[in-house]
Amino acid sequence: MTEHAAPPGIGSLVLPAINFLLFAGLMIWKLPAPVREFFRERTARLREALAAGKRALAEAEETRAALERDVRELPATIAHLKADIRATADRERANLLGVAVRAADRIRSDARLLAEHEIAAARDGLRTEVVEEAIRQATVLVRDAIRVGDQERLVIDFVQSAGSAA
């Protein structure tokens, strides 16, 4: 058993055709402005992207040129920097030498002053020691040389001179 479908009639073709024509007409009537706007915006975006690409390319070329120039000038820059460093080192060396010479002079002066002070102190100490030793020896000599009679006479002379002074 085979079933056969009824052959399509004109009515079954006309209604979908009318439906399509209405849809197409609506699309043609309502869509041109949004479609135009979409393509206008897309064109503007593409132009902007192309301009940005051109700017980026120009910037990259400038950077490459600057890098090439820097690479060419690198030996001269290195030599200049070395000369600057040497000049700075020479100035610093001269400054440090000046500071060292001044410090050495100050140390010598301080040492000389201290040595003079120590010599004077030693001289005073030695003088005091010599005087004390001279007094001690003189005392021993005087004690050995003075007799009892001499001692009494000295006491009497002392008392008389103290009395006349008062």
N, C-alpha and C. Protein backbone atom coordinates (compact mmCIF):
# COMPACT_ATOMS: atom_id res chain seq x y z
N MET A 1 0.77 -1.13 0.00
CA MET A 1 0.00 0.00 0.00
C MET A 1 0.86 1.26 0.00
N THR A 2 0.69 1.93 -0.94
CA THR A 2 1.44 3.17 -1.12
C THR A 2 0.49 4.33 -1.07
N GLU A 3 0.88 5.28 -0.35
CA GLU A 3 0.05 6.47 -0.27
C GLU A 3 0.63 7.52 -1.19
N HIS A 4 -0.27 8.20 -1.79
CA HIS A 4 0.16 9.27 -2.67
C HIS A 4 -0.35 10.56 -2.13
N ALA A 5 0.47 11.53 -2.16
CA ALA A 5 0.04 12.84 -1.71
C ALA A 5 -0.64 13.54 -2.86
N ALA A 6 -1.48 14.45 -2.47
CA ALA A 6 -2.19 15.20 -3.49
C ALA A 6 -1.21 16.12 -4.18
N PRO A 7 -1.31 16.27 -5.45
CA PRO A 7 -0.38 17.15 -6.15
C PRO A 7 -0.58 18.59 -5.68
N PRO A 8 0.50 19.33 -5.55
CA PRO A 8 0.39 20.69 -5.06
C PRO A 8 -0.42 21.52 -6.06
N GLY A 9 -1.21 22.37 -5.47
CA GLY A 9 -2.02 23.23 -6.31
C GLY A 9 -1.44 24.64 -6.29
N ILE A 10 -2.10 25.46 -7.03
CA ILE A 10 -1.64 26.83 -7.16
C ILE A 10 -1.77 27.56 -5.84
N GLY A 11 -2.76 27.21 -5.02
CA GLY A 11 -2.98 27.84 -3.74
C GLY A 11 -1.85 27.55 -2.76
N SER A 12 -1.30 26.36 -2.87
CA SER A 12 -0.23 26.02 -1.95
C SER A 12 1.07 26.73 -2.32
N LEU A 13 1.18 27.24 -3.53
CA LEU A 13 2.37 27.98 -3.93
C LEU A 13 2.17 29.49 -3.76
N VAL A 14 0.98 29.97 -3.88
CA VAL A 14 0.72 31.40 -3.87
C VAL A 14 0.88 31.95 -2.45
N LEU A 15 0.35 31.25 -1.46
CA LEU A 15 0.43 31.76 -0.08
C LEU A 15 1.87 31.88 0.41
N PRO A 16 2.73 30.90 0.23
CA PRO A 16 4.12 31.10 0.63
C PRO A 16 4.80 32.19 -0.17
N ALA A 17 4.44 32.35 -1.45
CA ALA A 17 5.05 33.39 -2.27
C ALA A 17 4.63 34.75 -1.75
N ILE A 18 3.33 34.91 -1.40
CA ILE A 18 2.86 36.19 -0.85
C ILE A 18 3.57 36.46 0.48
N ASN A 19 3.70 35.43 1.30
CA ASN A 19 4.37 35.55 2.58
C ASN A 19 5.82 35.99 2.37
N PHE A 20 6.52 35.41 1.41
CA PHE A 20 7.90 35.78 1.11
C PHE A 20 7.98 37.21 0.62
N LEU A 21 7.04 37.60 -0.27
CA LEU A 21 7.07 38.95 -0.82
C LEU A 21 6.81 39.98 0.28
N LEU A 22 5.90 39.67 1.20
CA LEU A 22 5.65 40.57 2.32
C LEU A 22 6.90 40.69 3.20
N PHE A 23 7.54 39.57 3.48
CA PHE A 23 8.76 39.57 4.30
C PHE A 23 9.86 40.37 3.61
N ALA A 24 10.08 40.14 2.31
CA ALA A 24 11.12 40.83 1.55
C ALA A 24 10.82 42.32 1.50
N GLY A 25 9.54 42.69 1.29
CA GLY A 25 9.17 44.11 1.24
C GLY A 25 9.41 44.79 2.57
N LEU A 26 9.06 44.09 3.66
CA LEU A 26 9.29 44.65 4.99
C LEU A 26 10.78 44.84 5.24
N MET A 27 11.56 43.88 4.80
CA MET A 27 13.02 43.98 4.96
C MET A 27 13.57 45.14 4.15
N ILE A 28 13.11 45.28 2.94
CA ILE A 28 13.61 46.36 2.08
C ILE A 28 13.17 47.71 2.64
N TRP A 29 11.99 47.74 3.24
CA TRP A 29 11.45 49.00 3.73
C TRP A 29 12.11 49.41 5.05
N LYS A 30 12.33 48.50 5.98
CA LYS A 30 12.82 48.83 7.32
C LYS A 30 14.34 48.66 7.50
N LEU A 31 14.98 47.82 6.79
CA LEU A 31 16.40 47.52 7.04
C LEU A 31 17.42 48.42 6.37
N PRO A 32 17.14 49.15 5.33
CA PRO A 32 18.23 49.90 4.69
C PRO A 32 18.95 50.86 5.64
N ALA A 33 18.24 51.57 6.50
CA ALA A 33 18.91 52.53 7.39
C ALA A 33 19.83 51.80 8.38
N PRO A 34 19.37 50.76 9.10
CA PRO A 34 20.29 50.07 10.01
C PRO A 34 21.45 49.41 9.29
N VAL A 35 21.19 48.85 8.10
CA VAL A 35 22.28 48.21 7.35
C VAL A 35 23.29 49.24 6.92
N ARG A 36 22.81 50.40 6.42
CA ARG A 36 23.72 51.48 6.03
C ARG A 36 24.53 51.96 7.24
N GLU A 37 23.85 52.13 8.37
CA GLU A 37 24.53 52.58 9.59
C GLU A 37 25.58 51.56 10.03
N PHE A 38 25.24 50.27 9.95
CA PHE A 38 26.20 49.22 10.32
C PHE A 38 27.44 49.30 9.44
N PHE A 39 27.24 49.41 8.11
CA PHE A 39 28.39 49.46 7.21
C PHE A 39 29.15 50.78 7.34
N ARG A 40 28.45 51.89 7.66
CA ARG A 40 29.12 53.17 7.87
C ARG A 40 30.02 53.08 9.12
N GLU A 41 29.50 52.52 10.20
CA GLU A 41 30.29 52.36 11.42
C GLU A 41 31.44 51.40 11.21
N ARG A 42 31.18 50.35 10.48
CA ARG A 42 32.24 49.37 10.20
C ARG A 42 33.34 50.02 9.37
N THR A 43 32.93 50.83 8.38
CA THR A 43 33.92 51.54 7.56
C THR A 43 34.74 52.50 8.43
N ALA A 44 34.06 53.21 9.32
CA ALA A 44 34.78 54.14 10.21
C ALA A 44 35.74 53.39 11.11
N ARG A 45 35.31 52.25 11.65
CA ARG A 45 36.20 51.46 12.50
C ARG A 45 37.40 50.95 11.73
N LEU A 46 37.15 50.50 10.50
CA LEU A 46 38.26 50.01 9.68
C LEU A 46 39.24 51.14 9.35
N ARG A 47 38.70 52.33 9.02
CA ARG A 47 39.58 53.48 8.72
C ARG A 47 40.39 53.87 9.97
N GLU A 48 39.71 53.86 11.12
CA GLU A 48 40.40 54.18 12.37
C GLU A 48 41.49 53.16 12.68
N ALA A 49 41.18 51.90 12.46
CA ALA A 49 42.17 50.85 12.70
C ALA A 49 43.34 50.99 11.73
N LEU A 50 43.06 51.33 10.48
CA LEU A 50 44.15 51.53 9.51
C LEU A 50 45.01 52.73 9.91
N ALA A 51 44.35 53.82 10.35
CA ALA A 51 45.11 54.99 10.78
C ALA A 51 45.96 54.66 12.00
N ALA A 52 45.39 53.91 12.95
CA ALA A 52 46.17 53.51 14.13
C ALA A 52 47.34 52.62 13.73
N GLY A 53 47.11 51.74 12.78
CA GLY A 53 48.21 50.90 12.27
C GLY A 53 49.30 51.73 11.64
N LYS A 54 48.90 52.76 10.86
CA LYS A 54 49.91 53.64 10.23
C LYS A 54 50.68 54.41 11.31
N ARG A 55 49.95 54.89 12.32
CA ARG A 55 50.64 55.60 13.41
C ARG A 55 51.60 54.67 14.14
N ALA A 56 51.16 53.45 14.42
CA ALA A 56 52.02 52.48 15.10
C ALA A 56 53.24 52.15 14.25
N LEU A 57 53.03 52.02 12.94
CA LEU A 57 54.15 51.74 12.04
C LEU A 57 55.14 52.90 12.05
N ALA A 58 54.61 54.14 11.98
CA ALA A 58 55.50 55.31 12.00
C ALA A 58 56.26 55.38 13.33
N GLU A 59 55.57 55.11 14.42
CA GLU A 59 56.21 55.12 15.73
C GLU A 59 57.27 54.03 15.83
N ALA A 60 56.97 52.86 15.30
CA ALA A 60 57.95 51.76 15.31
C ALA A 60 59.17 52.12 14.47
N GLU A 61 58.94 52.77 13.31
CA GLU A 61 60.07 53.19 12.48
C GLU A 61 60.91 54.24 13.20
N GLU A 62 60.27 55.17 13.90
CA GLU A 62 61.01 56.17 14.66
C GLU A 62 61.83 55.50 15.77
N THR A 63 61.22 54.54 16.44
CA THR A 63 61.92 53.82 17.51
C THR A 63 63.11 53.05 16.94
N ARG A 64 62.89 52.39 15.80
CA ARG A 64 63.98 51.64 15.17
C ARG A 64 65.10 52.59 14.77
N ALA A 65 64.75 53.75 14.21
CA ALA A 65 65.77 54.73 13.81
C ALA A 65 66.53 55.24 15.03
N ALA A 66 65.79 55.49 16.12
CA ALA A 66 66.46 55.96 17.34
C ALA A 66 67.39 54.88 17.89
N LEU A 67 66.94 53.63 17.85
CA LEU A 67 67.79 52.53 18.32
C LEU A 67 69.04 52.38 17.45
N GLU A 68 68.87 52.49 16.13
CA GLU A 68 70.02 52.40 15.24
C GLU A 68 71.00 53.54 15.51
N ARG A 69 70.46 54.76 15.73
CA ARG A 69 71.31 55.91 16.03
C ARG A 69 72.04 55.68 17.35
N ASP A 70 71.32 55.17 18.37
CA ASP A 70 71.95 54.91 19.66
C ASP A 70 73.03 53.84 19.54
N VAL A 71 72.78 52.82 18.74
CA VAL A 71 73.78 51.76 18.54
C VAL A 71 75.00 52.33 17.84
N ARG A 72 74.79 53.21 16.85
CA ARG A 72 75.92 53.83 16.15
C ARG A 72 76.72 54.72 17.09
N GLU A 73 76.02 55.43 17.97
CA GLU A 73 76.68 56.36 18.88
C GLU A 73 77.18 55.70 20.16
N LEU A 74 76.92 54.42 20.34
CA LEU A 74 77.28 53.72 21.57
C LEU A 74 78.78 53.78 21.89
N PRO A 75 79.69 53.54 20.93
CA PRO A 75 81.11 53.64 21.28
C PRO A 75 81.50 55.04 21.77
N ALA A 76 80.96 56.07 21.12
CA ALA A 76 81.28 57.43 21.56
C ALA A 76 80.69 57.70 22.94
N THR A 77 79.50 57.20 23.17
CA THR A 77 78.86 57.38 24.48
C THR A 77 79.66 56.67 25.56
N ILE A 78 80.11 55.46 25.25
CA ILE A 78 80.93 54.70 26.21
C ILE A 78 82.22 55.45 26.51
N ALA A 79 82.87 55.97 25.47
CA ALA A 79 84.11 56.72 25.67
C ALA A 79 83.85 57.97 26.51
N HIS A 80 82.76 58.65 26.22
CA HIS A 80 82.40 59.86 26.98
C HIS A 80 82.15 59.52 28.46
N LEU A 81 81.41 58.44 28.68
CA LEU A 81 81.14 58.02 30.06
C LEU A 81 82.43 57.63 30.78
N LYS A 82 83.31 56.91 30.09
CA LYS A 82 84.59 56.54 30.70
C LYS A 82 85.40 57.78 31.06
N ALA A 83 85.41 58.77 30.16
CA ALA A 83 86.15 60.01 30.43
C ALA A 83 85.54 60.73 31.63
N ASP A 84 84.22 60.77 31.69
CA ASP A 84 83.56 61.41 32.84
C ASP A 84 83.90 60.68 34.13
N ILE A 85 83.88 59.35 34.09
CA ILE A 85 84.18 58.57 35.29
C ILE A 85 85.63 58.79 35.71
N ARG A 86 86.54 58.82 34.73
CA ARG A 86 87.95 59.06 35.06
C ARG A 86 88.15 60.45 35.66
N ALA A 87 87.49 61.44 35.06
CA ALA A 87 87.61 62.81 35.59
C ALA A 87 87.07 62.89 37.01
N THR A 88 85.94 62.25 37.24
CA THR A 88 85.36 62.24 38.58
C THR A 88 86.28 61.52 39.56
N ALA A 89 86.85 60.40 39.12
CA ALA A 89 87.77 59.64 39.98
C ALA A 89 89.01 60.48 40.28
N ASP A 90 89.54 61.20 39.28
CA ASP A 90 90.71 62.04 39.52
C ASP A 90 90.40 63.16 40.51
N ARG A 91 89.22 63.78 40.35
CA ARG A 91 88.83 64.84 41.29
C ARG A 91 88.68 64.28 42.70
N GLU A 92 88.07 63.12 42.80
CA GLU A 92 87.85 62.50 44.10
C GLU A 92 89.19 62.10 44.72
N ARG A 93 90.10 61.57 43.88
CA ARG A 93 91.43 61.19 44.38
C ARG A 93 92.16 62.42 44.91
N ALA A 94 92.11 63.53 44.15
CA ALA A 94 92.77 64.76 44.60
C ALA A 94 92.12 65.27 45.89
N ASN A 95 90.84 65.19 45.96
CA ASN A 95 90.13 65.62 47.18
C ASN A 95 90.54 64.75 48.36
N LEU A 96 90.56 63.43 48.18
CA LEU A 96 90.95 62.53 49.26
C LEU A 96 92.40 62.74 49.67
N LEU A 97 93.27 62.99 48.68
CA LEU A 97 94.67 63.26 49.02
C LEU A 97 94.79 64.54 49.84
N GLY A 98 94.02 65.56 49.46
CA GLY A 98 94.03 66.81 50.22
C GLY A 98 93.55 66.59 51.64
N VAL A 99 92.48 65.82 51.78
CA VAL A 99 91.97 65.52 53.13
C VAL A 99 93.02 64.74 53.92
N ALA A 100 93.66 63.77 53.26
CA ALA A 100 94.67 62.96 53.95
C ALA A 100 95.87 63.80 54.37
N VAL A 101 96.31 64.72 53.50
CA VAL A 101 97.45 65.58 53.83
C VAL A 101 97.09 66.47 55.02
N ARG A 102 95.87 67.04 54.98
CA ARG A 102 95.45 67.89 56.11
C ARG A 102 95.36 67.08 57.40
N ALA A 103 94.84 65.86 57.30
CA ALA A 103 94.74 65.00 58.49
C ALA A 103 96.13 64.65 59.01
N ALA A 104 97.05 64.34 58.09
CA ALA A 104 98.42 64.00 58.51
C ALA A 104 99.08 65.21 59.17
N ASP A 105 98.89 66.40 58.60
CA ASP A 105 99.47 67.61 59.21
C ASP A 105 98.88 67.84 60.60
N ARG A 106 97.57 67.66 60.73
CA ARG A 106 96.93 67.85 62.03
C ARG A 106 97.45 66.82 63.03
N ILE A 107 97.61 65.57 62.59
CA ILE A 107 98.13 64.52 63.48
C ILE A 107 99.55 64.84 63.90
N ARG A 108 100.38 65.31 62.94
CA ARG A 108 101.77 65.68 63.28
C ARG A 108 101.78 66.83 64.29
N SER A 109 100.93 67.82 64.03
CA SER A 109 100.86 68.97 64.94
C SER A 109 100.41 68.53 66.32
N ASP A 110 99.37 67.69 66.37
CA ASP A 110 98.90 67.18 67.65
C ASP A 110 99.98 66.36 68.36
N ALA A 111 100.70 65.53 67.59
CA ALA A 111 101.76 64.71 68.18
C ALA A 111 102.90 65.60 68.70
N ARG A 112 103.24 66.65 67.92
CA ARG A 112 104.30 67.56 68.34
C ARG A 112 103.88 68.29 69.63
N LEU A 113 102.65 68.76 69.67
CA LEU A 113 102.15 69.45 70.85
C LEU A 113 102.14 68.51 72.06
N LEU A 114 101.67 67.29 71.84
CA LEU A 114 101.65 66.31 72.92
C LEU A 114 103.06 65.98 73.39
N ALA A 115 103.99 65.83 72.43
CA ALA A 115 105.37 65.52 72.80
C ALA A 115 105.97 66.68 73.60
N GLU A 116 105.70 67.92 73.18
CA GLU A 116 106.21 69.07 73.93
C GLU A 116 105.61 69.10 75.33
N HIS A 117 104.33 68.80 75.41
CA HIS A 117 103.69 68.77 76.72
C HIS A 117 104.29 67.67 77.60
N GLU A 118 104.51 66.51 77.03
CA GLU A 118 105.10 65.40 77.79
C GLU A 118 106.53 65.73 78.21
N ILE A 119 107.28 66.38 77.31
CA ILE A 119 108.67 66.76 77.65
C ILE A 119 108.66 67.77 78.80
N ALA A 120 107.74 68.74 78.71
CA ALA A 120 107.67 69.74 79.79
C ALA A 120 107.28 69.07 81.10
N ALA A 121 106.30 68.14 81.04
CA ALA A 121 105.89 67.44 82.26
C ALA A 121 107.05 66.61 82.80
N ALA A 122 107.78 65.94 81.91
CA ALA A 122 108.92 65.13 82.36
C ALA A 122 110.01 66.02 82.95
N ARG A 123 110.24 67.19 82.31
CA ARG A 123 111.25 68.12 82.79
C ARG A 123 110.86 68.63 84.19
N ASP A 124 109.55 68.97 84.36
CA ASP A 124 109.09 69.44 85.67
C ASP A 124 109.22 68.32 86.70
N GLY A 125 108.84 67.13 86.31
CA GLY A 125 108.95 65.99 87.23
C GLY A 125 110.40 65.73 87.61
N LEU A 126 111.28 65.80 86.63
CA LEU A 126 112.70 65.58 86.89
C LEU A 126 113.26 66.68 87.79
N ARG A 127 112.86 67.92 87.51
CA ARG A 127 113.32 69.05 88.32
C ARG A 127 112.85 68.86 89.77
N THR A 128 111.57 68.47 89.93
CA THR A 128 111.04 68.24 91.28
C THR A 128 111.80 67.12 91.97
N GLU A 129 112.07 66.08 91.22
CA GLU A 129 112.79 64.93 91.79
C GLU A 129 114.21 65.32 92.17
N VAL A 130 114.88 66.13 91.33
CA VAL A 130 116.24 66.57 91.61
C VAL A 130 116.25 67.47 92.85
N VAL A 131 115.25 68.39 92.95
CA VAL A 131 115.18 69.28 94.11
C VAL A 131 114.94 68.47 95.38
N GLU A 132 113.99 67.50 95.30
CA GLU A 132 113.71 66.67 96.48
C GLU A 132 114.96 65.88 96.90
N GLU A 133 115.66 65.35 95.90
CA GLU A 133 116.88 64.59 96.22
C GLU A 133 117.94 65.50 96.81
N ALA A 134 118.04 66.72 96.27
CA ALA A 134 119.03 67.68 96.79
C ALA A 134 118.68 68.05 98.23
N ILE A 135 117.37 68.25 98.51
CA ILE A 135 116.93 68.58 99.86
C ILE A 135 117.22 67.41 100.80
N ARG A 136 116.95 66.20 100.34
CA ARG A 136 117.20 65.02 101.17
C ARG A 136 118.68 64.90 101.50
N GLN A 137 119.50 65.06 100.48
CA GLN A 137 120.95 64.94 100.71
C GLN A 137 121.45 66.10 101.58
N ALA A 138 120.90 67.30 101.35
CA ALA A 138 121.32 68.44 102.16
C ALA A 138 120.90 68.25 103.60
N THR A 139 119.69 67.68 103.78
CA THR A 139 119.21 67.42 105.13
C THR A 139 120.14 66.44 105.83
N VAL A 140 120.54 65.39 105.13
CA VAL A 140 121.46 64.41 105.72
C VAL A 140 122.79 65.08 106.05
N LEU A 141 123.29 65.91 105.15
CA LEU A 141 124.57 66.58 105.39
C LEU A 141 124.47 67.56 106.56
N VAL A 142 123.34 68.29 106.60
CA VAL A 142 123.17 69.28 107.67
C VAL A 142 123.03 68.56 109.00
N ARG A 143 122.29 67.47 109.07
CA ARG A 143 122.13 66.72 110.33
C ARG A 143 123.47 66.17 110.81
N ASP A 144 124.23 65.71 109.84
CA ASP A 144 125.53 65.17 110.23
C ASP A 144 126.48 66.29 110.69
N ALA A 145 126.32 67.47 110.10
CA ALA A 145 127.25 68.56 110.39
C ALA A 145 126.83 69.37 111.63
N ILE A 146 125.61 69.42 112.00
CA ILE A 146 125.14 70.26 113.12
C ILE A 146 125.35 69.50 114.43
N ARG A 147 125.86 70.22 115.39
CA ARG A 147 126.07 69.67 116.72
C ARG A 147 124.99 70.24 117.63
N VAL A 148 124.96 69.80 118.88
CA VAL A 148 123.94 70.23 119.84
C VAL A 148 124.07 71.73 120.10
N GLY A 149 125.20 72.22 120.20
CA GLY A 149 125.42 73.66 120.46
C GLY A 149 124.96 74.49 119.27
N ASP A 150 125.23 74.00 118.08
CA ASP A 150 124.79 74.72 116.87
C ASP A 150 123.28 74.77 116.83
N GLN A 151 122.65 73.71 117.24
CA GLN A 151 121.18 73.64 117.21
C GLN A 151 120.59 74.64 118.20
N GLU A 152 121.16 74.75 119.39
CA GLU A 152 120.66 75.70 120.39
C GLU A 152 120.83 77.12 119.89
N ARG A 153 121.96 77.44 119.31
CA ARG A 153 122.22 78.77 118.77
C ARG A 153 121.22 79.09 117.66
N LEU A 154 120.88 78.16 116.79
CA LEU A 154 119.91 78.38 115.71
C LEU A 154 118.52 78.66 116.27
N VAL A 155 118.15 77.94 117.34
CA VAL A 155 116.83 78.14 117.95
C VAL A 155 116.77 79.53 118.57
N ILE A 156 117.82 79.95 119.24
CA ILE A 156 117.85 81.27 119.87
C ILE A 156 117.77 82.35 118.80
N ASP A 157 118.53 82.22 117.72
CA ASP A 157 118.51 83.19 116.61
C ASP A 157 117.12 83.26 115.98
N PHE A 158 116.50 82.10 115.87
CA PHE A 158 115.14 82.06 115.27
C PHE A 158 114.15 82.78 116.13
N VAL A 159 114.21 82.54 117.44
CA VAL A 159 113.27 83.17 118.37
C VAL A 159 113.48 84.67 118.39
N GLN A 160 114.70 85.11 118.37
CA GLN A 160 114.99 86.55 118.36
C GLN A 160 114.51 87.19 117.07
N SER A 161 114.72 86.55 115.93
CA SER A 161 114.28 87.13 114.66
C SER A 161 112.77 87.11 114.54
N ALA A 162 112.13 86.12 115.14
CA ALA A 162 110.66 86.06 115.13
C ALA A 162 110.12 87.13 116.03
N GLY A 163 110.76 87.38 117.16
CA GLY A 163 110.31 88.41 118.10
C GLY A 163 110.48 89.80 117.52
N SER A 164 111.56 90.08 116.83
CA SER A 164 111.81 91.40 116.26
C SER A 164 110.92 91.63 115.04
N ALA A 165 110.52 90.61 114.39
CA ALA A 165 109.64 90.74 113.22
C ALA A 165 108.22 91.07 113.65
N ALA A 166 107.83 90.61 114.84
CA ALA A 166 106.47 90.83 115.32
C ALA A 166 106.37 92.18 115.90
